């Protein structure tokens, strides 16, 4: 469906967040740049801890502050720079979204107040070799979703 690229500097932020969270989930919102048809790069993300072993709930106010700051820094060029979606970790499980994850993302994309044409969910974990693993899924307002391509850019 889409290709979502994760540059090395964002990978470093993710690795640090996952190490700090340990066996608890963490997550946040994704801010991206539209690079071309069906291709987005994650330029910033928020990191929120406070998750538990098998759950994570995003704190909406801090996410809205981060988005507002991102929009200001990008000159409010919403076509090129915008909210891309959500991310969270599954430190003890597969990086595939759970039924609850799918339902949460569909609620976001189908909410008229959000006004999104699509949203992306990225799920990450650190492997036993301390490598970043992840999956990407895209959700659209008609209630459908599909796996997307996740690209880890560069060498760390």
N, C-alpha and C. Protein backbone atom coordinates (compact mmCIF):
# COMPACT_ATOMS: atom_id res chain seq x y z
N UNK A 1 0.83 -1.19 0.00
CA UNK A 1 0.00 0.00 0.00
C UNK A 1 0.87 1.26 0.00
N UNK A 2 1.62 1.49 1.10
CA UNK A 2 2.56 2.62 1.19
C UNK A 2 3.94 2.09 1.53
N UNK A 3 4.93 2.94 1.30
CA UNK A 3 6.28 2.68 1.79
C UNK A 3 6.58 3.74 2.84
N UNK A 4 7.01 3.29 4.01
CA UNK A 4 7.37 4.20 5.10
C UNK A 4 8.83 3.95 5.44
N UNK A 5 9.64 5.00 5.31
CA UNK A 5 11.07 4.91 5.59
C UNK A 5 11.39 5.49 6.95
N UNK A 6 12.33 4.83 7.63
CA UNK A 6 12.79 5.27 8.95
C UNK A 6 14.26 5.63 8.83
N UNK A 7 14.60 6.92 8.85
CA UNK A 7 16.01 7.32 8.75
C UNK A 7 16.79 6.93 10.01
N UNK A 8 18.12 6.88 9.89
CA UNK A 8 18.96 6.47 11.03
C UNK A 8 18.73 7.27 12.31
N UNK A 9 18.52 8.58 12.22
CA UNK A 9 18.34 9.37 13.43
C UNK A 9 17.04 9.01 14.15
N UNK A 10 16.01 8.65 13.42
CA UNK A 10 14.75 8.21 14.04
C UNK A 10 14.92 6.80 14.60
N UNK A 11 15.69 5.96 13.92
CA UNK A 11 15.97 4.62 14.44
C UNK A 11 16.68 4.70 15.79
N UNK A 12 17.58 5.66 15.93
CA UNK A 12 18.30 5.82 17.21
C UNK A 12 17.33 6.19 18.33
N UNK A 13 16.38 7.08 18.04
CA UNK A 13 15.38 7.47 19.03
C UNK A 13 14.53 6.26 19.42
N UNK A 14 14.14 5.47 18.43
CA UNK A 14 13.34 4.27 18.71
C UNK A 14 14.10 3.27 19.57
N UNK A 15 15.35 2.98 19.20
CA UNK A 15 16.16 2.03 19.97
C UNK A 15 16.26 2.46 21.44
N UNK A 16 16.53 3.73 21.66
CA UNK A 16 16.66 4.25 23.02
C UNK A 16 15.35 4.09 23.79
N UNK A 17 14.24 4.45 23.15
CA UNK A 17 12.94 4.33 23.80
C UNK A 17 12.61 2.88 24.14
N UNK A 18 12.91 1.98 23.22
CA UNK A 18 12.62 0.56 23.45
C UNK A 18 13.48 -0.01 24.58
N UNK A 19 14.74 0.41 24.63
CA UNK A 19 15.62 -0.06 25.71
C UNK A 19 15.13 0.45 27.06
N UNK A 20 14.75 1.71 27.13
CA UNK A 20 14.28 2.29 28.39
C UNK A 20 12.99 1.61 28.84
N UNK A 21 12.07 1.36 27.91
CA UNK A 21 10.78 0.76 28.25
C UNK A 21 10.92 -0.70 28.67
N UNK A 22 11.97 -1.38 28.19
CA UNK A 22 12.18 -2.78 28.55
C UNK A 22 11.04 -3.67 28.12
N UNK A 23 10.43 -4.37 29.06
CA UNK A 23 9.35 -5.30 28.72
C UNK A 23 7.98 -4.62 28.69
N UNK A 24 7.94 -3.31 28.94
CA UNK A 24 6.68 -2.56 28.85
C UNK A 24 6.57 -1.91 27.47
N UNK A 25 5.34 -1.72 27.03
CA UNK A 25 5.12 -1.06 25.75
C UNK A 25 5.32 0.44 25.90
N UNK A 26 5.74 1.05 24.79
CA UNK A 26 5.84 2.50 24.69
C UNK A 26 5.36 2.88 23.30
N UNK A 27 5.21 4.14 23.03
CA UNK A 27 4.75 4.54 21.71
C UNK A 27 4.58 6.03 21.60
N UNK A 28 3.87 6.45 20.55
CA UNK A 28 3.63 7.86 20.32
C UNK A 28 3.07 8.10 18.94
N UNK A 29 3.19 9.34 18.49
CA UNK A 29 2.68 9.72 17.17
C UNK A 29 3.83 9.89 16.19
N UNK A 30 3.50 9.74 14.92
CA UNK A 30 4.47 9.85 13.82
C UNK A 30 4.21 11.11 13.02
N UNK A 31 5.27 11.84 12.71
CA UNK A 31 5.17 12.99 11.84
C UNK A 31 6.05 12.72 10.63
N UNK A 32 5.47 12.87 9.45
CA UNK A 32 6.19 12.45 8.27
C UNK A 32 6.28 13.49 7.18
N UNK A 33 7.11 13.15 6.20
CA UNK A 33 7.29 13.96 5.00
C UNK A 33 6.90 13.11 3.80
N UNK A 34 6.05 13.70 2.95
CA UNK A 34 5.63 13.02 1.72
C UNK A 34 6.75 13.19 0.69
N UNK A 35 7.34 12.06 0.26
CA UNK A 35 8.48 12.08 -0.64
C UNK A 35 8.09 11.86 -2.10
N UNK A 36 6.93 11.29 -2.34
CA UNK A 36 6.48 10.98 -3.68
C UNK A 36 5.30 10.04 -3.58
N UNK A 37 4.78 9.61 -4.70
CA UNK A 37 3.59 8.74 -4.66
C UNK A 37 3.77 7.52 -3.76
N UNK A 38 2.96 7.47 -2.71
CA UNK A 38 2.98 6.32 -1.82
C UNK A 38 4.21 6.16 -0.96
N UNK A 39 5.05 7.20 -0.87
CA UNK A 39 6.29 7.09 -0.08
C UNK A 39 6.37 8.22 0.93
N UNK A 40 6.55 7.84 2.20
CA UNK A 40 6.67 8.79 3.30
C UNK A 40 7.89 8.45 4.13
N UNK A 41 8.51 9.49 4.70
CA UNK A 41 9.64 9.31 5.62
C UNK A 41 9.21 9.85 6.98
N UNK A 42 9.46 9.09 8.03
CA UNK A 42 9.19 9.57 9.38
C UNK A 42 10.29 10.56 9.73
N UNK A 43 9.91 11.81 9.97
CA UNK A 43 10.88 12.85 10.31
C UNK A 43 10.96 13.07 11.81
N UNK A 44 9.86 12.87 12.51
CA UNK A 44 9.84 13.02 13.96
C UNK A 44 8.83 12.04 14.52
N UNK A 45 9.01 11.71 15.78
CA UNK A 45 8.00 10.94 16.50
C UNK A 45 8.06 11.33 17.95
N UNK A 46 6.94 11.16 18.62
CA UNK A 46 6.93 11.39 20.06
C UNK A 46 7.22 10.06 20.74
N UNK A 47 7.74 10.14 21.94
CA UNK A 47 8.01 8.94 22.73
C UNK A 47 7.30 9.12 24.06
N UNK A 48 6.38 8.21 24.31
CA UNK A 48 5.67 8.22 25.57
C UNK A 48 5.81 6.85 26.21
N UNK A 49 6.21 6.86 27.43
CA UNK A 49 6.30 5.61 28.19
C UNK A 49 4.99 5.39 28.92
N UNK A 50 5.08 4.74 30.04
CA UNK A 50 3.89 4.53 30.85
C UNK A 50 3.04 3.36 30.42
N UNK A 51 3.51 2.63 29.42
CA UNK A 51 2.77 1.45 29.01
C UNK A 51 2.98 0.31 29.97
N UNK A 52 2.26 -0.73 29.74
CA UNK A 52 2.38 -1.94 30.55
C UNK A 52 2.91 -3.07 29.68
N UNK A 53 2.95 -4.25 30.21
CA UNK A 53 3.48 -5.41 29.50
C UNK A 53 2.79 -5.62 28.15
N UNK A 54 1.48 -5.44 28.08
CA UNK A 54 0.76 -5.71 26.84
C UNK A 54 -0.22 -4.60 26.48
N UNK A 55 0.10 -3.35 26.86
CA UNK A 55 -0.78 -2.25 26.47
C UNK A 55 -0.04 -0.93 26.50
N UNK A 56 -0.55 -0.03 25.68
CA UNK A 56 -0.01 1.33 25.63
C UNK A 56 -1.16 2.27 25.28
N UNK A 57 -1.28 3.36 26.01
CA UNK A 57 -2.29 4.37 25.72
C UNK A 57 -1.59 5.70 25.53
N UNK A 58 -1.80 6.32 24.37
CA UNK A 58 -1.17 7.60 24.04
C UNK A 58 -1.80 8.73 24.85
N UNK A 59 -0.97 9.65 25.30
CA UNK A 59 -1.41 10.84 26.01
C UNK A 59 -1.69 11.91 24.96
N UNK A 60 -2.95 12.24 24.76
CA UNK A 60 -3.39 13.09 23.65
C UNK A 60 -2.84 14.50 23.70
N UNK A 61 -2.81 15.12 24.86
CA UNK A 61 -2.37 16.52 24.94
C UNK A 61 -0.92 16.71 24.50
N UNK A 62 -0.03 15.85 24.97
CA UNK A 62 1.37 16.01 24.57
C UNK A 62 1.55 15.69 23.09
N UNK A 63 0.75 14.76 22.55
CA UNK A 63 0.81 14.46 21.12
C UNK A 63 0.38 15.68 20.31
N UNK A 64 -0.67 16.36 20.75
CA UNK A 64 -1.15 17.55 20.04
C UNK A 64 -0.12 18.68 20.10
N UNK A 65 0.56 18.82 21.22
CA UNK A 65 1.62 19.85 21.33
C UNK A 65 2.75 19.55 20.35
N UNK A 66 3.15 18.27 20.27
CA UNK A 66 4.22 17.89 19.36
C UNK A 66 3.82 18.13 17.90
N UNK A 67 2.59 17.80 17.56
CA UNK A 67 2.11 18.03 16.19
C UNK A 67 2.08 19.52 15.87
N UNK A 68 1.60 20.32 16.80
CA UNK A 68 1.55 21.76 16.58
C UNK A 68 2.94 22.33 16.34
N UNK A 69 3.91 21.89 17.12
CA UNK A 69 5.29 22.32 16.95
C UNK A 69 5.84 21.89 15.59
N UNK A 70 5.57 20.65 15.21
CA UNK A 70 6.03 20.14 13.91
C UNK A 70 5.43 20.95 12.76
N UNK A 71 4.14 21.26 12.86
CA UNK A 71 3.50 22.04 11.80
C UNK A 71 4.11 23.43 11.70
N UNK A 72 4.43 24.04 12.84
CA UNK A 72 5.06 25.37 12.83
C UNK A 72 6.44 25.31 12.19
N UNK A 73 7.24 24.32 12.59
CA UNK A 73 8.59 24.18 12.05
C UNK A 73 8.59 23.89 10.55
N UNK A 74 7.55 23.23 10.06
CA UNK A 74 7.48 22.88 8.64
C UNK A 74 6.71 23.91 7.83
N UNK A 75 6.44 25.07 8.42
CA UNK A 75 5.77 26.14 7.70
C UNK A 75 4.32 25.85 7.36
N UNK A 76 3.70 24.98 8.12
CA UNK A 76 2.29 24.59 7.89
C UNK A 76 2.06 24.11 6.46
N UNK A 77 3.07 23.45 5.91
CA UNK A 77 2.96 22.84 4.58
C UNK A 77 2.39 21.44 4.76
N UNK A 78 1.06 21.36 4.94
CA UNK A 78 0.41 20.11 5.29
C UNK A 78 0.43 19.07 4.18
N UNK A 79 0.63 19.51 2.95
CA UNK A 79 0.69 18.56 1.84
C UNK A 79 1.98 17.75 1.93
N UNK A 80 3.05 18.42 2.32
CA UNK A 80 4.36 17.75 2.38
C UNK A 80 4.68 17.19 3.77
N UNK A 81 4.34 17.93 4.82
CA UNK A 81 4.67 17.54 6.20
C UNK A 81 3.38 17.42 7.00
N UNK A 82 3.13 16.23 7.56
CA UNK A 82 1.87 16.08 8.27
C UNK A 82 1.93 14.92 9.25
N UNK A 83 0.86 14.79 10.00
CA UNK A 83 0.63 13.65 10.89
C UNK A 83 0.57 12.41 10.00
N UNK A 84 1.34 11.41 10.35
CA UNK A 84 1.39 10.17 9.56
C UNK A 84 0.62 9.05 10.25
N UNK A 85 0.65 9.03 11.57
CA UNK A 85 -0.05 7.97 12.28
C UNK A 85 0.53 7.76 13.66
N UNK A 86 0.55 6.50 14.07
CA UNK A 86 0.93 6.12 15.42
C UNK A 86 2.00 5.04 15.38
N UNK A 87 2.73 4.91 16.48
CA UNK A 87 3.66 3.79 16.63
C UNK A 87 3.58 3.32 18.07
N UNK A 88 3.88 2.07 18.27
CA UNK A 88 4.09 1.56 19.61
C UNK A 88 4.90 0.27 19.53
N UNK A 89 5.28 -0.20 20.69
CA UNK A 89 6.14 -1.39 20.74
C UNK A 89 5.35 -2.62 21.18
N UNK A 90 5.84 -3.75 20.77
CA UNK A 90 5.40 -5.06 21.24
C UNK A 90 6.66 -5.80 21.70
N UNK A 91 7.22 -5.42 22.86
CA UNK A 91 8.50 -6.00 23.25
C UNK A 91 8.49 -7.51 23.46
N UNK A 92 7.33 -8.05 23.79
CA UNK A 92 7.27 -9.48 24.12
C UNK A 92 6.43 -10.28 23.12
N UNK A 93 5.99 -9.63 22.05
CA UNK A 93 5.10 -10.28 21.10
C UNK A 93 5.55 -9.98 19.67
N UNK A 94 4.85 -10.54 18.71
CA UNK A 94 5.08 -10.27 17.30
C UNK A 94 4.90 -8.78 17.01
N UNK A 95 5.59 -8.29 16.00
CA UNK A 95 5.42 -6.89 15.60
C UNK A 95 4.19 -6.68 14.73
N UNK A 96 3.39 -7.72 14.57
CA UNK A 96 2.13 -7.56 13.84
C UNK A 96 1.07 -6.95 14.76
N UNK A 97 0.23 -6.06 14.22
CA UNK A 97 -0.80 -5.43 15.05
C UNK A 97 -1.79 -6.45 15.61
N UNK A 98 -2.24 -6.18 16.82
CA UNK A 98 -3.27 -7.00 17.45
C UNK A 98 -4.64 -6.54 16.94
N UNK A 99 -5.67 -7.29 17.29
CA UNK A 99 -7.04 -6.91 16.94
C UNK A 99 -7.35 -5.54 17.55
N UNK A 100 -6.92 -5.33 18.79
CA UNK A 100 -7.12 -4.04 19.45
C UNK A 100 -6.40 -2.92 18.71
N UNK A 101 -5.18 -3.19 18.24
CA UNK A 101 -4.44 -2.19 17.47
C UNK A 101 -5.21 -1.81 16.21
N UNK A 102 -5.70 -2.81 15.48
CA UNK A 102 -6.48 -2.54 14.26
C UNK A 102 -7.71 -1.69 14.58
N UNK A 103 -8.42 -2.05 15.63
CA UNK A 103 -9.63 -1.30 16.00
C UNK A 103 -9.30 0.14 16.36
N UNK A 104 -8.22 0.34 17.10
CA UNK A 104 -7.83 1.70 17.50
C UNK A 104 -7.49 2.56 16.30
N UNK A 105 -6.76 1.99 15.36
CA UNK A 105 -6.36 2.75 14.17
C UNK A 105 -7.56 3.06 13.28
N UNK A 106 -8.48 2.11 13.16
CA UNK A 106 -9.68 2.36 12.37
C UNK A 106 -10.53 3.45 13.00
N UNK A 107 -10.58 3.50 14.33
CA UNK A 107 -11.31 4.58 15.01
C UNK A 107 -10.69 5.93 14.68
N UNK A 108 -9.38 6.00 14.66
CA UNK A 108 -8.70 7.27 14.35
C UNK A 108 -8.99 7.70 12.93
N UNK A 109 -8.79 6.80 11.96
CA UNK A 109 -8.93 7.19 10.56
C UNK A 109 -10.39 7.46 10.16
N UNK A 110 -11.33 6.85 10.88
CA UNK A 110 -12.74 7.06 10.55
C UNK A 110 -13.36 8.23 11.32
N UNK A 111 -12.58 8.85 12.20
CA UNK A 111 -13.04 10.00 12.97
C UNK A 111 -12.97 11.25 12.08
N UNK A 112 -14.11 11.83 11.76
CA UNK A 112 -14.16 13.00 10.88
C UNK A 112 -13.38 14.18 11.45
N UNK A 113 -13.27 14.26 12.78
CA UNK A 113 -12.52 15.36 13.39
C UNK A 113 -11.03 15.26 13.09
N UNK A 114 -10.52 14.05 12.88
CA UNK A 114 -9.11 13.86 12.53
C UNK A 114 -8.90 14.32 11.09
N UNK A 115 -9.81 13.99 10.22
CA UNK A 115 -9.74 14.44 8.84
C UNK A 115 -8.64 13.81 8.02
N UNK A 116 -8.23 12.61 8.38
CA UNK A 116 -7.13 11.95 7.67
C UNK A 116 -7.64 11.15 6.48
N UNK A 117 -6.86 11.17 5.39
CA UNK A 117 -7.15 10.32 4.24
C UNK A 117 -6.66 8.90 4.50
N UNK A 118 -5.70 8.76 5.41
CA UNK A 118 -5.14 7.48 5.82
C UNK A 118 -4.34 7.71 7.09
N UNK A 119 -4.06 6.64 7.81
CA UNK A 119 -3.12 6.68 8.93
C UNK A 119 -2.28 5.42 8.89
N UNK A 120 -1.08 5.53 9.41
CA UNK A 120 -0.14 4.42 9.43
C UNK A 120 0.09 3.99 10.87
N UNK A 121 0.20 2.70 11.08
CA UNK A 121 0.60 2.15 12.37
C UNK A 121 1.92 1.42 12.18
N UNK A 122 2.92 1.81 12.96
CA UNK A 122 4.20 1.11 12.98
C UNK A 122 4.32 0.42 14.34
N UNK A 123 4.69 -0.85 14.33
CA UNK A 123 4.89 -1.61 15.56
C UNK A 123 6.34 -2.09 15.57
N UNK A 124 7.05 -1.82 16.68
CA UNK A 124 8.47 -2.13 16.77
C UNK A 124 8.79 -3.00 17.98
N UNK A 125 9.95 -3.62 17.91
CA UNK A 125 10.57 -4.30 19.05
C UNK A 125 12.05 -4.44 18.75
N UNK A 126 12.82 -4.74 19.79
CA UNK A 126 14.23 -5.07 19.62
C UNK A 126 14.36 -6.58 19.62
N UNK A 127 15.10 -7.10 18.66
CA UNK A 127 15.32 -8.55 18.59
C UNK A 127 16.32 -8.96 19.67
N UNK A 128 16.53 -10.27 19.79
CA UNK A 128 17.52 -10.77 20.75
C UNK A 128 18.92 -10.27 20.41
N UNK A 129 19.15 -9.94 19.14
CA UNK A 129 20.44 -9.42 18.70
C UNK A 129 20.48 -7.89 18.78
N UNK A 130 19.45 -7.30 19.44
CA UNK A 130 19.35 -5.85 19.61
C UNK A 130 19.12 -5.13 18.27
N UNK A 131 18.55 -5.82 17.32
CA UNK A 131 18.20 -5.22 16.03
C UNK A 131 16.76 -4.72 16.08
N UNK A 132 16.51 -3.61 15.39
CA UNK A 132 15.17 -3.06 15.32
C UNK A 132 14.34 -3.88 14.34
N UNK A 133 13.19 -4.36 14.79
CA UNK A 133 12.24 -5.08 13.95
C UNK A 133 10.96 -4.28 13.92
N UNK A 134 10.23 -4.35 12.83
CA UNK A 134 8.98 -3.60 12.78
C UNK A 134 8.06 -4.03 11.68
N UNK A 135 6.85 -3.51 11.75
CA UNK A 135 5.87 -3.71 10.70
C UNK A 135 5.15 -2.40 10.46
N UNK A 136 4.57 -2.26 9.29
CA UNK A 136 3.80 -1.07 8.92
C UNK A 136 2.46 -1.51 8.34
N UNK A 137 1.42 -0.83 8.76
CA UNK A 137 0.08 -1.07 8.21
C UNK A 137 -0.58 0.28 7.97
N UNK A 138 -1.35 0.35 6.89
CA UNK A 138 -2.05 1.58 6.52
C UNK A 138 -3.55 1.34 6.61
N UNK A 139 -4.24 2.32 7.17
CA UNK A 139 -5.69 2.25 7.40
C UNK A 139 -6.35 3.40 6.64
N UNK A 140 -7.48 3.13 6.01
CA UNK A 140 -8.19 4.19 5.29
C UNK A 140 -9.62 4.30 5.80
N UNK A 141 -10.26 5.47 5.58
CA UNK A 141 -11.57 5.74 6.19
C UNK A 141 -12.70 4.79 5.78
N UNK A 142 -12.54 4.03 4.73
CA UNK A 142 -13.62 3.09 4.37
C UNK A 142 -13.61 1.85 5.26
N UNK A 143 -12.67 1.81 6.21
CA UNK A 143 -12.61 0.70 7.15
C UNK A 143 -11.66 -0.41 6.74
N UNK A 144 -10.94 -0.22 5.66
CA UNK A 144 -10.00 -1.25 5.23
C UNK A 144 -8.58 -0.91 5.68
N UNK A 145 -7.73 -1.91 5.67
CA UNK A 145 -6.33 -1.72 6.01
C UNK A 145 -5.51 -2.77 5.29
N UNK A 146 -4.22 -2.48 5.16
CA UNK A 146 -3.32 -3.43 4.49
C UNK A 146 -1.91 -3.24 5.01
N UNK A 147 -1.13 -4.30 4.90
CA UNK A 147 0.29 -4.21 5.25
C UNK A 147 0.96 -3.24 4.28
N UNK A 148 1.92 -2.51 4.79
CA UNK A 148 2.72 -1.59 3.99
C UNK A 148 4.18 -1.97 4.12
N UNK A 149 5.02 -1.32 3.36
CA UNK A 149 6.44 -1.63 3.36
C UNK A 149 7.17 -0.71 4.33
N UNK A 150 7.95 -1.29 5.22
CA UNK A 150 8.75 -0.54 6.19
C UNK A 150 10.21 -0.67 5.78
N UNK A 151 10.87 0.47 5.61
CA UNK A 151 12.27 0.51 5.18
C UNK A 151 13.11 1.17 6.26
N UNK A 152 14.12 0.45 6.76
CA UNK A 152 15.09 1.02 7.67
C UNK A 152 16.24 1.56 6.83
N UNK A 153 16.37 2.87 6.76
CA UNK A 153 17.40 3.49 5.93
C UNK A 153 18.78 3.40 6.57
N UNK A 154 19.79 3.31 5.73
CA UNK A 154 21.17 3.43 6.17
C UNK A 154 21.64 2.35 7.13
N UNK A 155 22.90 2.48 7.53
CA UNK A 155 23.50 1.56 8.48
C UNK A 155 23.70 2.27 9.80
N UNK A 156 23.39 1.56 10.86
CA UNK A 156 23.61 2.14 12.20
C UNK A 156 24.86 1.58 12.81
